[in-house]
N, C-alpha and C. Protein backbone atom coordinates (compact mmCIF):
# COMPACT_ATOMS: atom_id res chain seq x y z
N MET A 1 2.60 -9.23 -13.74
CA MET A 1 1.56 -8.57 -14.50
C MET A 1 2.16 -7.34 -15.17
N THR A 2 1.86 -7.15 -16.42
CA THR A 2 2.42 -6.02 -17.16
C THR A 2 1.69 -4.72 -16.80
N THR A 3 2.33 -3.61 -17.11
CA THR A 3 1.71 -2.30 -16.88
C THR A 3 0.40 -2.19 -17.65
N LYS A 4 0.37 -2.68 -18.88
CA LYS A 4 -0.85 -2.62 -19.68
C LYS A 4 -1.98 -3.38 -19.01
N GLU A 5 -1.71 -4.58 -18.49
CA GLU A 5 -2.74 -5.37 -17.80
C GLU A 5 -3.23 -4.65 -16.53
N ILE A 6 -2.29 -4.07 -15.79
CA ILE A 6 -2.65 -3.32 -14.59
C ILE A 6 -3.56 -2.14 -14.95
N PHE A 7 -3.15 -1.38 -15.95
CA PHE A 7 -3.93 -0.20 -16.34
C PHE A 7 -5.26 -0.57 -16.98
N ASP A 8 -5.35 -1.73 -17.64
CA ASP A 8 -6.64 -2.17 -18.19
C ASP A 8 -7.66 -2.40 -17.08
N ILE A 9 -7.22 -2.97 -15.97
CA ILE A 9 -8.12 -3.21 -14.83
C ILE A 9 -8.60 -1.87 -14.27
N ILE A 10 -7.68 -0.94 -14.06
CA ILE A 10 -8.04 0.37 -13.51
C ILE A 10 -8.90 1.15 -14.50
N GLU A 11 -8.55 1.08 -15.77
CA GLU A 11 -9.28 1.81 -16.80
C GLU A 11 -10.75 1.40 -16.84
N ASP A 12 -11.03 0.11 -16.68
CA ASP A 12 -12.42 -0.37 -16.67
C ASP A 12 -13.22 0.31 -15.56
N GLU A 13 -12.60 0.53 -14.40
CA GLU A 13 -13.29 1.19 -13.28
C GLU A 13 -13.44 2.68 -13.51
N LEU A 14 -12.41 3.30 -14.06
CA LEU A 14 -12.45 4.75 -14.25
C LEU A 14 -13.50 5.18 -15.25
N TYR A 15 -13.76 4.37 -16.27
CA TYR A 15 -14.78 4.72 -17.27
C TYR A 15 -16.14 4.97 -16.62
N LEU A 16 -16.39 4.32 -15.49
CA LEU A 16 -17.68 4.47 -14.81
C LEU A 16 -17.79 5.76 -14.01
N THR A 17 -16.65 6.32 -13.56
CA THR A 17 -16.71 7.45 -12.64
C THR A 17 -15.93 8.69 -13.05
N VAL A 18 -14.97 8.54 -13.94
CA VAL A 18 -14.10 9.67 -14.30
C VAL A 18 -14.32 10.00 -15.78
N PRO A 19 -14.78 11.22 -16.06
CA PRO A 19 -15.11 11.54 -17.45
C PRO A 19 -13.90 11.70 -18.38
N ASP A 20 -12.77 12.18 -17.87
CA ASP A 20 -11.66 12.50 -18.76
C ASP A 20 -10.34 12.18 -18.08
N PHE A 21 -9.77 11.01 -18.37
CA PHE A 21 -8.48 10.66 -17.79
C PHE A 21 -7.51 10.35 -18.91
N LYS A 22 -6.23 10.42 -18.59
CA LYS A 22 -5.18 10.17 -19.57
C LYS A 22 -4.28 9.05 -19.07
N ILE A 23 -3.82 8.25 -20.00
CA ILE A 23 -2.94 7.14 -19.67
C ILE A 23 -1.59 7.37 -20.34
N GLU A 24 -0.54 7.33 -19.53
CA GLU A 24 0.83 7.41 -20.04
C GLU A 24 1.50 6.07 -19.77
N GLU A 25 2.78 5.99 -20.07
CA GLU A 25 3.50 4.73 -19.96
C GLU A 25 3.44 4.12 -18.55
N ASP A 26 3.59 4.95 -17.52
CA ASP A 26 3.64 4.40 -16.16
C ASP A 26 2.68 5.08 -15.19
N ARG A 27 1.70 5.83 -15.71
CA ARG A 27 0.73 6.46 -14.82
C ARG A 27 -0.57 6.77 -15.55
N ILE A 28 -1.62 6.88 -14.74
CA ILE A 28 -2.93 7.35 -15.18
C ILE A 28 -3.22 8.60 -14.35
N PHE A 29 -3.77 9.65 -14.99
CA PHE A 29 -4.04 10.86 -14.23
C PHE A 29 -5.26 11.58 -14.79
N TRP A 30 -5.87 12.41 -13.93
CA TRP A 30 -7.03 13.23 -14.30
C TRP A 30 -7.19 14.32 -13.25
N LYS A 31 -8.10 15.23 -13.50
CA LYS A 31 -8.40 16.31 -12.55
C LYS A 31 -9.75 16.00 -11.91
N ASP A 32 -9.84 16.26 -10.59
CA ASP A 32 -11.13 16.08 -9.92
C ASP A 32 -12.00 17.31 -10.17
N THR A 33 -13.19 17.35 -9.59
CA THR A 33 -14.13 18.45 -9.85
C THR A 33 -13.61 19.79 -9.34
N PHE A 34 -12.64 19.78 -8.43
CA PHE A 34 -12.07 21.02 -7.90
C PHE A 34 -10.79 21.43 -8.62
N GLY A 35 -10.36 20.64 -9.62
CA GLY A 35 -9.18 20.96 -10.40
C GLY A 35 -7.88 20.37 -9.88
N ALA A 36 -7.95 19.56 -8.82
CA ALA A 36 -6.73 18.92 -8.29
C ALA A 36 -6.42 17.67 -9.10
N GLU A 37 -5.14 17.49 -9.41
CA GLU A 37 -4.75 16.32 -10.19
C GLU A 37 -4.67 15.08 -9.32
N ILE A 38 -5.20 13.99 -9.83
CA ILE A 38 -5.15 12.67 -9.19
C ILE A 38 -4.31 11.78 -10.08
N GLU A 39 -3.45 10.97 -9.46
CA GLU A 39 -2.55 10.12 -10.23
C GLU A 39 -2.50 8.72 -9.65
N ILE A 40 -2.42 7.75 -10.55
CA ILE A 40 -2.18 6.36 -10.17
C ILE A 40 -0.90 5.94 -10.87
N SER A 41 0.11 5.59 -10.10
CA SER A 41 1.37 5.11 -10.65
C SER A 41 1.33 3.59 -10.73
N ARG A 42 1.95 3.04 -11.74
CA ARG A 42 1.98 1.57 -11.84
C ARG A 42 2.75 0.95 -10.67
N HIS A 43 3.60 1.74 -10.01
CA HIS A 43 4.37 1.24 -8.87
C HIS A 43 3.53 1.18 -7.59
N SER A 44 2.35 1.77 -7.63
CA SER A 44 1.48 1.80 -6.45
C SER A 44 0.25 0.94 -6.67
N THR A 45 0.48 -0.27 -7.19
CA THR A 45 -0.61 -1.22 -7.42
C THR A 45 -0.20 -2.58 -6.88
N ALA A 46 -1.19 -3.43 -6.61
CA ALA A 46 -0.91 -4.79 -6.14
C ALA A 46 -2.08 -5.69 -6.49
N ILE A 47 -1.79 -6.97 -6.66
CA ILE A 47 -2.83 -7.97 -6.92
C ILE A 47 -2.47 -9.22 -6.13
N ASN A 48 -3.50 -9.90 -5.59
CA ASN A 48 -3.21 -11.13 -4.86
C ASN A 48 -3.59 -12.34 -5.70
N ASP A 49 -3.36 -13.53 -5.15
CA ASP A 49 -3.61 -14.76 -5.91
C ASP A 49 -5.09 -15.07 -6.11
N ARG A 50 -5.98 -14.34 -5.44
CA ARG A 50 -7.43 -14.52 -5.62
C ARG A 50 -7.98 -13.50 -6.63
N GLY A 51 -7.12 -12.70 -7.23
CA GLY A 51 -7.55 -11.72 -8.22
C GLY A 51 -8.04 -10.42 -7.62
N ILE A 52 -7.83 -10.22 -6.32
CA ILE A 52 -8.18 -8.95 -5.68
C ILE A 52 -7.09 -7.94 -6.02
N PHE A 53 -7.50 -6.77 -6.44
CA PHE A 53 -6.58 -5.78 -6.98
C PHE A 53 -6.69 -4.49 -6.18
N ALA A 54 -5.55 -3.83 -5.93
CA ALA A 54 -5.56 -2.57 -5.18
C ALA A 54 -4.68 -1.55 -5.88
N TRP A 55 -5.06 -0.27 -5.76
CA TRP A 55 -4.23 0.81 -6.29
C TRP A 55 -4.34 2.03 -5.40
N TRP A 56 -3.26 2.81 -5.38
CA TRP A 56 -3.14 4.02 -4.58
C TRP A 56 -3.39 5.21 -5.48
N GLN A 57 -4.37 6.05 -5.14
CA GLN A 57 -4.64 7.26 -5.89
C GLN A 57 -4.06 8.44 -5.12
N SER A 58 -2.97 9.03 -5.67
CA SER A 58 -2.37 10.21 -5.08
C SER A 58 -3.14 11.43 -5.54
N ASN A 59 -3.25 12.41 -4.67
CA ASN A 59 -3.98 13.64 -4.98
C ASN A 59 -3.07 14.80 -4.64
N GLU A 60 -3.00 15.79 -5.53
CA GLU A 60 -2.03 16.87 -5.33
C GLU A 60 -2.30 17.75 -4.12
N VAL A 61 -3.46 17.60 -3.47
CA VAL A 61 -3.72 18.34 -2.23
C VAL A 61 -3.73 17.41 -1.02
N GLY A 62 -3.23 16.19 -1.18
CA GLY A 62 -3.05 15.30 -0.04
C GLY A 62 -4.25 14.45 0.32
N HIS A 63 -5.28 14.40 -0.51
CA HIS A 63 -6.44 13.54 -0.23
C HIS A 63 -6.21 12.19 -0.90
N GLU A 64 -5.48 11.35 -0.22
CA GLU A 64 -5.09 10.05 -0.76
C GLU A 64 -6.21 9.04 -0.62
N LEU A 65 -6.21 8.06 -1.51
CA LEU A 65 -7.25 7.03 -1.49
C LEU A 65 -6.65 5.72 -1.98
N VAL A 66 -6.92 4.65 -1.25
CA VAL A 66 -6.57 3.31 -1.70
C VAL A 66 -7.88 2.65 -2.10
N ARG A 67 -7.91 2.12 -3.32
CA ARG A 67 -9.10 1.44 -3.82
C ARG A 67 -8.77 -0.04 -3.95
N ILE A 68 -9.65 -0.88 -3.44
CA ILE A 68 -9.45 -2.33 -3.46
C ILE A 68 -10.63 -2.96 -4.18
N LYS A 69 -10.35 -3.56 -5.32
CA LYS A 69 -11.39 -4.20 -6.13
C LYS A 69 -11.49 -5.67 -5.71
N ILE A 70 -12.56 -5.98 -4.97
CA ILE A 70 -12.76 -7.33 -4.46
C ILE A 70 -13.23 -8.26 -5.57
N ASN A 71 -14.19 -7.80 -6.34
CA ASN A 71 -14.68 -8.54 -7.51
C ASN A 71 -15.29 -7.53 -8.47
N LYS A 72 -15.97 -7.99 -9.51
CA LYS A 72 -16.46 -7.05 -10.53
C LYS A 72 -17.51 -6.09 -10.00
N ASP A 73 -18.15 -6.41 -8.87
CA ASP A 73 -19.22 -5.58 -8.33
C ASP A 73 -18.84 -4.79 -7.07
N ILE A 74 -17.73 -5.12 -6.44
CA ILE A 74 -17.39 -4.51 -5.14
C ILE A 74 -16.00 -3.88 -5.17
N ILE A 75 -15.97 -2.58 -4.85
CA ILE A 75 -14.71 -1.86 -4.65
C ILE A 75 -14.76 -1.20 -3.28
N ILE A 76 -13.72 -1.40 -2.50
CA ILE A 76 -13.60 -0.78 -1.18
C ILE A 76 -12.72 0.45 -1.32
N ASN A 77 -13.16 1.57 -0.76
CA ASN A 77 -12.35 2.78 -0.70
C ASN A 77 -11.82 2.94 0.72
N TRP A 78 -10.51 3.07 0.87
CA TRP A 78 -9.89 3.26 2.18
C TRP A 78 -9.04 4.52 2.13
N ARG A 79 -9.30 5.43 3.02
CA ARG A 79 -8.50 6.65 3.13
C ARG A 79 -7.47 6.43 4.24
N PRO A 80 -6.24 6.13 3.86
CA PRO A 80 -5.22 5.93 4.91
C PRO A 80 -4.98 7.23 5.65
N PRO A 81 -4.79 7.16 6.96
CA PRO A 81 -4.49 8.39 7.70
C PRO A 81 -3.17 8.95 7.21
N ILE A 82 -3.20 10.16 6.74
CA ILE A 82 -1.99 10.75 6.17
C ILE A 82 -1.98 12.23 6.45
N ASN A 83 -0.82 12.75 6.79
CA ASN A 83 -0.66 14.18 6.99
C ASN A 83 0.51 14.63 6.13
N THR A 84 0.19 15.27 5.03
CA THR A 84 1.23 15.80 4.15
C THR A 84 1.12 17.31 4.04
N MET A 85 0.39 17.91 4.97
CA MET A 85 0.24 19.37 5.01
C MET A 85 -0.33 19.90 3.70
N GLY A 86 -1.31 19.20 3.14
CA GLY A 86 -1.96 19.65 1.93
C GLY A 86 -1.15 19.49 0.67
N LYS A 87 -0.10 18.70 0.74
CA LYS A 87 0.75 18.43 -0.42
C LYS A 87 0.50 16.99 -0.88
N PRO A 88 0.86 16.66 -2.12
CA PRO A 88 0.68 15.28 -2.56
C PRO A 88 1.70 14.36 -1.90
N SER A 89 1.32 13.12 -1.72
CA SER A 89 2.29 12.14 -1.26
C SER A 89 3.01 11.61 -2.49
N SER A 90 3.97 10.77 -2.26
CA SER A 90 4.66 10.14 -3.39
C SER A 90 4.01 8.81 -3.72
N GLY A 91 2.79 8.62 -3.24
CA GLY A 91 2.11 7.35 -3.44
C GLY A 91 2.52 6.36 -2.38
N GLY A 92 1.95 5.21 -2.43
CA GLY A 92 2.25 4.20 -1.44
C GLY A 92 2.72 2.91 -2.10
N HIS A 93 3.52 2.17 -1.36
CA HIS A 93 3.92 0.84 -1.81
C HIS A 93 2.87 -0.13 -1.29
N LEU A 94 2.24 -0.87 -2.18
CA LEU A 94 1.21 -1.83 -1.80
C LEU A 94 1.69 -3.23 -2.12
N GLN A 95 1.36 -4.16 -1.21
CA GLN A 95 1.72 -5.56 -1.42
C GLN A 95 0.69 -6.43 -0.70
N PHE A 96 0.28 -7.51 -1.33
CA PHE A 96 -0.69 -8.43 -0.74
C PHE A 96 -0.01 -9.65 -0.15
N PHE A 97 -0.59 -10.15 0.94
CA PHE A 97 -0.38 -11.51 1.39
C PHE A 97 -1.77 -12.04 1.72
N GLU A 98 -2.26 -12.96 0.90
CA GLU A 98 -3.59 -13.52 1.04
C GLU A 98 -4.62 -12.42 1.22
N ASN A 99 -5.27 -12.33 2.40
CA ASN A 99 -6.32 -11.31 2.59
C ASN A 99 -5.80 -10.04 3.26
N PHE A 100 -4.48 -9.88 3.36
CA PHE A 100 -3.89 -8.68 3.96
C PHE A 100 -3.26 -7.81 2.87
N LEU A 101 -3.59 -6.52 2.91
CA LEU A 101 -2.94 -5.55 2.04
C LEU A 101 -1.98 -4.75 2.91
N ILE A 102 -0.72 -4.77 2.55
CA ILE A 102 0.31 -4.05 3.30
C ILE A 102 0.58 -2.74 2.56
N ALA A 103 0.44 -1.64 3.27
CA ALA A 103 0.62 -0.30 2.67
C ALA A 103 1.72 0.44 3.41
N LEU A 104 2.74 0.85 2.69
CA LEU A 104 3.86 1.62 3.24
C LEU A 104 3.91 2.94 2.49
N TYR A 105 3.87 4.05 3.24
CA TYR A 105 3.89 5.37 2.59
C TYR A 105 4.56 6.40 3.48
N GLN A 106 4.93 7.51 2.84
CA GLN A 106 5.60 8.60 3.54
C GLN A 106 4.59 9.63 4.03
N ASP A 107 4.65 9.96 5.29
CA ASP A 107 3.83 10.99 5.90
C ASP A 107 4.72 12.21 6.12
N LYS A 108 4.16 13.27 6.68
CA LYS A 108 4.93 14.47 6.99
C LYS A 108 6.09 14.17 7.94
N HIS A 109 5.87 13.29 8.90
CA HIS A 109 6.84 13.05 9.96
C HIS A 109 7.68 11.79 9.77
N ARG A 110 7.13 10.76 9.11
CA ARG A 110 7.83 9.48 9.03
C ARG A 110 7.15 8.58 8.01
N GLN A 111 7.77 7.44 7.73
CA GLN A 111 7.10 6.42 6.94
C GLN A 111 6.09 5.72 7.84
N ARG A 112 4.96 5.40 7.26
CA ARG A 112 3.92 4.70 8.01
C ARG A 112 3.62 3.38 7.33
N LEU A 113 3.33 2.38 8.15
CA LEU A 113 3.04 1.04 7.65
C LEU A 113 1.72 0.58 8.22
N PHE A 114 0.79 0.25 7.34
CA PHE A 114 -0.51 -0.27 7.75
C PHE A 114 -0.72 -1.64 7.15
N ILE A 115 -1.41 -2.48 7.90
CA ILE A 115 -1.82 -3.78 7.39
C ILE A 115 -3.35 -3.77 7.42
N PHE A 116 -3.93 -3.87 6.23
CA PHE A 116 -5.37 -3.78 6.05
C PHE A 116 -5.90 -5.18 5.75
N ASN A 117 -6.79 -5.69 6.62
CA ASN A 117 -7.40 -7.00 6.41
C ASN A 117 -8.64 -6.81 5.54
N ILE A 118 -8.62 -7.32 4.32
CA ILE A 118 -9.74 -7.08 3.41
C ILE A 118 -10.97 -7.92 3.76
N ASP A 119 -10.82 -8.93 4.61
CA ASP A 119 -11.98 -9.71 5.04
C ASP A 119 -12.72 -9.04 6.19
N THR A 120 -11.97 -8.47 7.14
CA THR A 120 -12.60 -7.83 8.31
C THR A 120 -12.73 -6.32 8.14
N LEU A 121 -12.09 -5.76 7.10
CA LEU A 121 -12.07 -4.31 6.83
C LEU A 121 -11.46 -3.51 7.97
N LYS A 122 -10.46 -4.09 8.61
CA LYS A 122 -9.75 -3.40 9.69
C LYS A 122 -8.32 -3.11 9.26
N ALA A 123 -7.88 -1.89 9.55
CA ALA A 123 -6.50 -1.49 9.27
C ALA A 123 -5.79 -1.30 10.60
N GLU A 124 -4.58 -1.81 10.67
CA GLU A 124 -3.78 -1.68 11.89
C GLU A 124 -2.41 -1.12 11.54
N GLU A 125 -2.01 -0.06 12.23
CA GLU A 125 -0.71 0.53 11.98
C GLU A 125 0.36 -0.21 12.76
N VAL A 126 1.50 -0.42 12.12
CA VAL A 126 2.68 -0.98 12.78
C VAL A 126 3.58 0.20 13.10
N VAL A 127 3.67 0.54 14.37
CA VAL A 127 4.42 1.71 14.81
C VAL A 127 5.82 1.29 15.23
N THR A 128 6.81 2.04 14.75
CA THR A 128 8.19 1.85 15.18
C THR A 128 8.74 3.20 15.63
N LYS A 129 9.93 3.20 16.20
CA LYS A 129 10.48 4.43 16.76
C LYS A 129 11.11 5.36 15.72
N GLY A 130 11.62 4.80 14.65
CA GLY A 130 12.39 5.59 13.70
C GLY A 130 11.57 6.21 12.59
N PHE A 131 12.28 6.88 11.68
CA PHE A 131 11.67 7.65 10.60
C PHE A 131 11.35 6.80 9.38
N SER A 132 12.25 5.89 9.00
CA SER A 132 12.00 5.10 7.79
C SER A 132 12.10 3.61 8.07
N LYS A 133 11.40 2.84 7.22
CA LYS A 133 11.31 1.40 7.41
C LYS A 133 11.65 0.68 6.12
N LYS A 134 12.16 -0.51 6.25
CA LYS A 134 12.31 -1.44 5.13
C LYS A 134 11.45 -2.64 5.48
N VAL A 135 10.78 -3.19 4.47
CA VAL A 135 9.91 -4.35 4.72
C VAL A 135 10.28 -5.49 3.79
N LYS A 136 10.07 -6.70 4.28
CA LYS A 136 10.31 -7.91 3.50
C LYS A 136 9.23 -8.91 3.89
N LEU A 137 8.48 -9.37 2.90
CA LEU A 137 7.44 -10.37 3.13
C LEU A 137 8.01 -11.72 2.75
N ASN A 138 7.97 -12.65 3.70
CA ASN A 138 8.50 -13.99 3.50
C ASN A 138 7.41 -14.97 3.95
N GLY A 139 6.62 -15.47 2.99
CA GLY A 139 5.48 -16.31 3.35
C GLY A 139 4.50 -15.48 4.14
N ASN A 140 4.08 -15.98 5.30
CA ASN A 140 3.14 -15.22 6.14
C ASN A 140 3.84 -14.37 7.20
N GLU A 141 5.15 -14.16 7.03
CA GLU A 141 5.91 -13.35 7.97
C GLU A 141 6.34 -12.05 7.30
N LEU A 142 6.03 -10.95 7.95
CA LEU A 142 6.44 -9.64 7.47
C LEU A 142 7.56 -9.16 8.38
N PHE A 143 8.73 -8.93 7.80
CA PHE A 143 9.87 -8.46 8.57
C PHE A 143 10.03 -6.96 8.31
N ILE A 144 10.26 -6.21 9.39
CA ILE A 144 10.38 -4.77 9.30
C ILE A 144 11.69 -4.36 9.96
N ALA A 145 12.47 -3.58 9.25
CA ALA A 145 13.70 -3.02 9.80
C ALA A 145 13.50 -1.52 9.92
N ASP A 146 13.66 -1.01 11.12
CA ASP A 146 13.59 0.42 11.35
C ASP A 146 15.00 0.95 11.22
N SER A 147 15.24 1.70 10.18
CA SER A 147 16.62 2.10 9.86
C SER A 147 17.25 3.04 10.88
N PHE A 148 16.46 3.83 11.58
CA PHE A 148 17.00 4.79 12.53
C PHE A 148 17.44 4.12 13.83
N GLU A 149 16.61 3.27 14.35
CA GLU A 149 16.88 2.66 15.66
C GLU A 149 17.52 1.28 15.56
N ASN A 150 17.73 0.77 14.33
CA ASN A 150 18.23 -0.58 14.14
C ASN A 150 17.34 -1.58 14.89
N GLU A 151 16.04 -1.37 14.78
CA GLU A 151 15.02 -2.20 15.41
C GLU A 151 14.46 -3.16 14.37
N PHE A 152 14.23 -4.39 14.77
CA PHE A 152 13.65 -5.38 13.87
C PHE A 152 12.37 -5.93 14.48
N ILE A 153 11.36 -6.09 13.63
CA ILE A 153 10.06 -6.59 14.07
C ILE A 153 9.63 -7.68 13.09
N LYS A 154 9.03 -8.72 13.63
CA LYS A 154 8.45 -9.76 12.79
C LYS A 154 6.95 -9.77 13.09
N ILE A 155 6.15 -9.67 12.03
CA ILE A 155 4.70 -9.77 12.16
C ILE A 155 4.29 -11.04 11.45
N THR A 156 3.67 -11.95 12.19
CA THR A 156 3.16 -13.17 11.59
C THR A 156 1.68 -12.96 11.29
N LEU A 157 1.32 -13.17 10.02
CA LEU A 157 -0.05 -12.93 9.58
C LEU A 157 -0.83 -14.25 9.54
N TYR A 158 -1.92 -14.29 10.29
CA TYR A 158 -2.85 -15.40 10.29
C TYR A 158 -4.17 -14.92 9.69
N PRO A 159 -5.04 -15.81 9.24
CA PRO A 159 -6.26 -15.35 8.55
C PRO A 159 -7.07 -14.30 9.32
N GLU A 160 -7.15 -14.38 10.63
CA GLU A 160 -7.98 -13.46 11.41
C GLU A 160 -7.21 -12.56 12.37
N ARG A 161 -5.87 -12.72 12.43
CA ARG A 161 -5.12 -11.91 13.38
C ARG A 161 -3.66 -11.80 12.95
N MET A 162 -2.95 -10.93 13.68
CA MET A 162 -1.51 -10.74 13.47
C MET A 162 -0.81 -10.86 14.82
N GLU A 163 0.40 -11.36 14.80
CA GLU A 163 1.21 -11.42 16.02
C GLU A 163 2.50 -10.66 15.78
N ARG A 164 2.79 -9.74 16.68
CA ARG A 164 4.00 -8.91 16.58
C ARG A 164 5.05 -9.43 17.54
N GLU A 165 6.30 -9.45 17.06
CA GLU A 165 7.40 -9.94 17.88
C GLU A 165 8.64 -9.09 17.60
N GLU A 166 9.28 -8.62 18.67
CA GLU A 166 10.55 -7.90 18.53
C GLU A 166 11.64 -8.94 18.32
N ILE A 167 12.47 -8.73 17.32
CA ILE A 167 13.56 -9.66 17.05
C ILE A 167 14.85 -8.85 16.94
N ASP A 168 15.98 -9.55 16.82
CA ASP A 168 17.25 -8.84 16.71
C ASP A 168 17.97 -9.22 15.41
N GLU A 169 19.08 -8.59 15.19
CA GLU A 169 19.84 -8.82 13.96
C GLU A 169 20.34 -10.25 13.87
N GLU A 170 20.66 -10.84 15.00
CA GLU A 170 21.13 -12.23 15.03
C GLU A 170 20.03 -13.17 14.50
N TYR A 171 18.79 -12.92 14.91
CA TYR A 171 17.66 -13.73 14.42
C TYR A 171 17.52 -13.56 12.91
N MET A 172 17.64 -12.31 12.41
CA MET A 172 17.53 -12.05 10.98
C MET A 172 18.61 -12.81 10.22
N ASN A 173 19.84 -12.78 10.74
CA ASN A 173 20.95 -13.48 10.09
C ASN A 173 20.75 -15.00 10.12
N SER A 174 20.24 -15.53 11.25
CA SER A 174 20.03 -16.98 11.34
C SER A 174 18.96 -17.46 10.36
N ARG A 175 18.00 -16.61 10.02
CA ARG A 175 16.96 -16.96 9.04
C ARG A 175 17.34 -16.51 7.63
N ASN A 176 18.49 -15.87 7.50
CA ASN A 176 18.98 -15.37 6.21
C ASN A 176 17.98 -14.42 5.55
N ILE A 177 17.41 -13.52 6.34
CA ILE A 177 16.47 -12.52 5.84
C ILE A 177 17.25 -11.28 5.45
N LYS A 178 17.17 -10.91 4.19
CA LYS A 178 17.85 -9.73 3.66
C LYS A 178 16.81 -8.81 3.05
N PHE A 179 16.96 -7.52 3.23
CA PHE A 179 16.07 -6.54 2.64
C PHE A 179 16.61 -6.13 1.29
N ASP A 180 15.76 -6.13 0.27
CA ASP A 180 16.19 -5.81 -1.09
C ASP A 180 16.49 -4.34 -1.23
């Protein structure tokens, strides 16, 4: 999907609620009623095969918001737990697998990874020991590498649940799983 197509979807929603926003090549931004700048980067958007669309709204005072457009009449607002000490985040990486939205973002202390089920409206954090994570989605399997501890986790996503499994580097090599 092109940046223009992504921003057209977001722009349709913003016309209803935001009086004055600006669109640049790779971001949309505006000021809220308190004067804080809100930004949507094209890198912080995702769409699934059912046409469900999500975007991360960064706020310069740390009030982050993920908006998920289920259809033309329903938008879900999710405030991911985030502590940036009143500073803006760098946005979040969003990726869909069927009805799961995977959100990876930087907090004050570490990278955080949440899996949000858009059918049940439940978000579950995947906690690891280290500071930063790499993720790779392969079908219904989410592979996570914790760069600090050299820890590997496989999360298998099913329509109504997730299964977590600790794996090792040998398993990753046998499946030829590489992180981009």
